Amino acid sequence: MRNDQAGRGKDLKMHLESHEEFMNAGWFICIIRRIIRIRIAHIYCFIRIFILKNSDEAIDALIKDSDEAIDLFRNENLLNEMDSDTSNKEAEHL
């Protein structure tokens, strides 16, 4: 009976040691995962900051382009009005 208990004791001890190793490995994996998540979050933040910084420049360029387009549109409308006025005056003379 003693041998049986000694065998069970060894099995239990081996089981606990393997469980302890697993727990230590589990904590190690959790720490590695946390470090990776933090690094990914930092990279994500840097990318967002870069995009936002460049988006301000892109919005400024878009506003400048739209202002130029509005000016061209106004000039084109003025030219069309001048053309229609001259064509109306020519039609009156005929």
C-alpha atoms as a PDB file:
ATOM      1  CA  MET A   1       0.000   0.000   0.000  1.00  0.00           C
ATOM      2  CA  ARG A   2       2.866   2.304   0.657  1.00  0.00           C
ATOM      3  CA  ASN A   3       4.198   1.806  -2.840  1.00  0.00           C
ATOM      4  CA  ASP A   4       0.786   2.647  -4.212  1.00  0.00           C
ATOM      5  CA  GLN A   5       0.670   5.898  -2.231  1.00  0.00           C
ATOM      6  CA  ALA A   6       4.233   6.713  -3.196  1.00  0.00           C
ATOM      7  CA  GLY A   7       3.327   6.186  -6.842  1.00  0.00           C
ATOM      8  CA  ARG A   8       0.312   8.433  -6.507  1.00  0.00           C
ATOM      9  CA  GLY A   9       2.436  11.019  -4.723  1.00  0.00           C
ATOM     10  CA  LYS A  10       4.947  11.001  -7.561  1.00  0.00           C
ATOM     11  CA  ASP A  11       2.143  11.265 -10.116  1.00  0.00           C
ATOM     12  CA  LEU A  12       0.621  14.147  -8.218  1.00  0.00           C
ATOM     13  CA  LYS A  13       3.973  15.850  -7.870  1.00  0.00           C
ATOM     14  CA  MET A  14       4.684  15.441 -11.592  1.00  0.00           C
ATOM     15  CA  HIS A  15       1.209  16.682 -12.394  1.00  0.00           C
ATOM     16  CA  LEU A  16       1.656  19.766 -10.221  1.00  0.00           C
ATOM     17  CA  GLU A  17       5.088  20.464 -11.707  1.00  0.00           C
ATOM     18  CA  SER A  18       3.730  20.209 -15.226  1.00  0.00           C
ATOM     19  CA  HIS A  19       0.817  22.424 -14.215  1.00  0.00           C
ATOM     20  CA  GLU A  20       3.228  24.946 -12.730  1.00  0.00           C
ATOM     21  CA  GLU A  21       5.316  24.946 -15.895  1.00  0.00           C
ATOM     22  CA  PHE A  22       2.145  25.425 -17.909  1.00  0.00           C
ATOM     23  CA  MET A  23       1.093  28.325 -15.719  1.00  0.00           C
ATOM     24  CA  ASN A  24       4.522  29.924 -16.020  1.00  0.00           C
ATOM     25  CA  ALA A  25       4.386  29.472 -19.774  1.00  0.00           C
ATOM     26  CA  GLY A  26       0.862  30.864 -19.774  1.00  0.00           C
ATOM     27  CA  TRP A  27       1.955  34.003 -17.941  1.00  0.00           C
ATOM     28  CA  PHE A  28       4.870  34.369 -20.314  1.00  0.00           C
ATOM     29  CA  ILE A  29       2.544  34.079 -23.296  1.00  0.00           C
ATOM     30  CA  CYS A  30       0.147  36.619 -21.744  1.00  0.00           C
ATOM     31  CA  ILE A  31       3.000  39.064 -21.211  1.00  0.00           C
ATOM     32  CA  ILE A  32       4.208  38.614 -24.799  1.00  0.00           C
ATOM     33  CA  ARG A  33       0.669  39.092 -26.119  1.00  0.00           C
ATOM     34  CA  ARG A  34       0.256  42.258 -24.044  1.00  0.00           C
ATOM     35  CA  ILE A  35       3.544  43.672 -25.348  1.00  0.00           C
ATOM     36  CA  ILE A  36       2.486  42.889 -28.909  1.00  0.00           C
ATOM     37  CA  ARG A  37      -0.922  44.547 -28.358  1.00  0.00           C
ATOM     38  CA  ILE A  38       0.734  47.640 -26.935  1.00  0.00           C
ATOM     39  CA  ARG A  39       3.119  47.838 -29.894  1.00  0.00           C
ATOM     40  CA  ILE A  40       0.244  47.429 -32.344  1.00  0.00           C
ATOM     41  CA  ALA A  41      -1.660  50.182 -30.540  1.00  0.00           C
ATOM     42  CA  HIS A  42       1.376  52.474 -30.770  1.00  0.00           C
ATOM     43  CA  ILE A  43       1.781  51.763 -34.468  1.00  0.00           C
ATOM     44  CA  TYR A  44      -1.941  52.369 -35.004  1.00  0.00           C
ATOM     45  CA  CYS A  45      -1.714  55.710 -33.180  1.00  0.00           C
ATOM     46  CA  PHE A  46       1.324  56.789 -35.188  1.00  0.00           C
ATOM     47  CA  ILE A  47      -0.448  55.880 -38.428  1.00  0.00           C
ATOM     48  CA  ARG A  48      -3.568  57.811 -37.345  1.00  0.00           C
ATOM     49  CA  ILE A  49      -1.484  60.847 -36.443  1.00  0.00           C
ATOM     50  CA  PHE A  50       0.344  60.645 -39.782  1.00  0.00           C
ATOM     51  CA  ILE A  51      -2.921  60.334 -41.713  1.00  0.00           C
ATOM     52  CA  LEU A  52      -4.559  63.178 -39.790  1.00  0.00           C
ATOM     53  CA  LYS A  53      -1.538  65.402 -40.292  1.00  0.00           C
ATOM     54  CA  ASN A  54      -1.522  64.686 -43.997  1.00  0.00           C
ATOM     55  CA  SER A  55      -5.294  64.919 -44.229  1.00  0.00           C
ATOM     56  CA  ASP A  56      -5.104  68.545 -43.074  1.00  0.00           C
ATOM     57  CA  GLU A  57      -2.723  69.219 -45.918  1.00  0.00           C
ATOM     58  CA  ALA A  58      -4.980  67.316 -48.305  1.00  0.00           C
ATOM     59  CA  ILE A  59      -8.033  69.266 -47.129  1.00  0.00           C
ATOM     60  CA  ASP A  60      -6.146  72.537 -47.582  1.00  0.00           C
ATOM     61  CA  ALA A  61      -5.182  71.499 -51.107  1.00  0.00           C
ATOM     62  CA  LEU A  62      -8.757  70.455 -51.822  1.00  0.00           C
ATOM     63  CA  ILE A  63     -10.054  73.808 -50.578  1.00  0.00           C
ATOM     64  CA  LYS A  64      -7.506  75.618 -52.728  1.00  0.00           C
ATOM     65  CA  ASP A  65      -8.459  73.513 -55.738  1.00  0.00           C
ATOM     66  CA  SER A  66     -12.160  74.082 -55.110  1.00  0.00           C
ATOM     67  CA  ASP A  67     -11.579  77.839 -54.821  1.00  0.00           C
ATOM     68  CA  GLU A  68      -9.741  77.762 -58.127  1.00  0.00           C
ATOM     69  CA  ALA A  69     -12.535  75.691 -59.661  1.00  0.00           C
ATOM     70  CA  ILE A  70     -15.132  78.174 -58.381  1.00  0.00           C
ATOM     71  CA  ASP A  71     -13.124  81.042 -59.864  1.00  0.00           C
ATOM     72  CA  LEU A  72     -12.890  79.239 -63.189  1.00  0.00           C
ATOM     73  CA  PHE A  73     -16.612  78.494 -63.087  1.00  0.00           C
ATOM     74  CA  ARG A  74     -17.396  82.146 -62.375  1.00  0.00           C
ATOM     75  CA  ASN A  75     -15.078  83.299 -65.144  1.00  0.00           C
ATOM     76  CA  GLU A  76     -16.640  80.795 -67.527  1.00  0.00           C
ATOM     77  CA  ASN A  77     -20.118  81.988 -66.587  1.00  0.00           C
ATOM     78  CA  LEU A  78     -19.040  85.590 -67.107  1.00  0.00           C
ATOM     79  CA  LEU A  79     -17.647  84.680 -70.507  1.00  0.00           C
ATOM     80  CA  ASN A  80     -20.874  82.888 -71.386  1.00  0.00           C
ATOM     81  CA  GLU A  81     -22.890  85.903 -70.275  1.00  0.00           C
ATOM     82  CA  MET A  82     -20.653  88.203 -72.309  1.00  0.00           C
ATOM     83  CA  ASP A  83     -20.994  85.903 -75.304  1.00  0.00           C
ATOM     84  CA  SER A  84     -24.761  85.799 -74.907  1.00  0.00           C
ATOM     85  CA  ASP A  85     -24.877  89.592 -74.551  1.00  0.00           C
ATOM     86  CA  THR A  86     -22.826  90.107 -77.696  1.00  0.00           C
ATOM     87  CA  SER A  87     -24.884  87.531 -79.585  1.00  0.00           C
ATOM     88  CA  ASN A  88     -28.068  89.292 -78.407  1.00  0.00           C
ATOM     89  CA  LYS A  89     -26.696  92.635 -79.566  1.00  0.00           C
ATOM     90  CA  GLU A  90     -25.718  91.127 -82.908  1.00  0.00           C
ATOM     91  CA  ALA A  91     -29.188  89.614 -83.245  1.00  0.00           C
ATOM     92  CA  GLU A  92     -30.748  93.029 -82.558  1.00  0.00           C
ATOM     93  CA  HIS A  93     -28.633  94.600 -85.271  1.00  0.00           C
ATOM     94  CA  LEU A  94     -29.782  92.050 -87.799  1.00  0.00           C
END
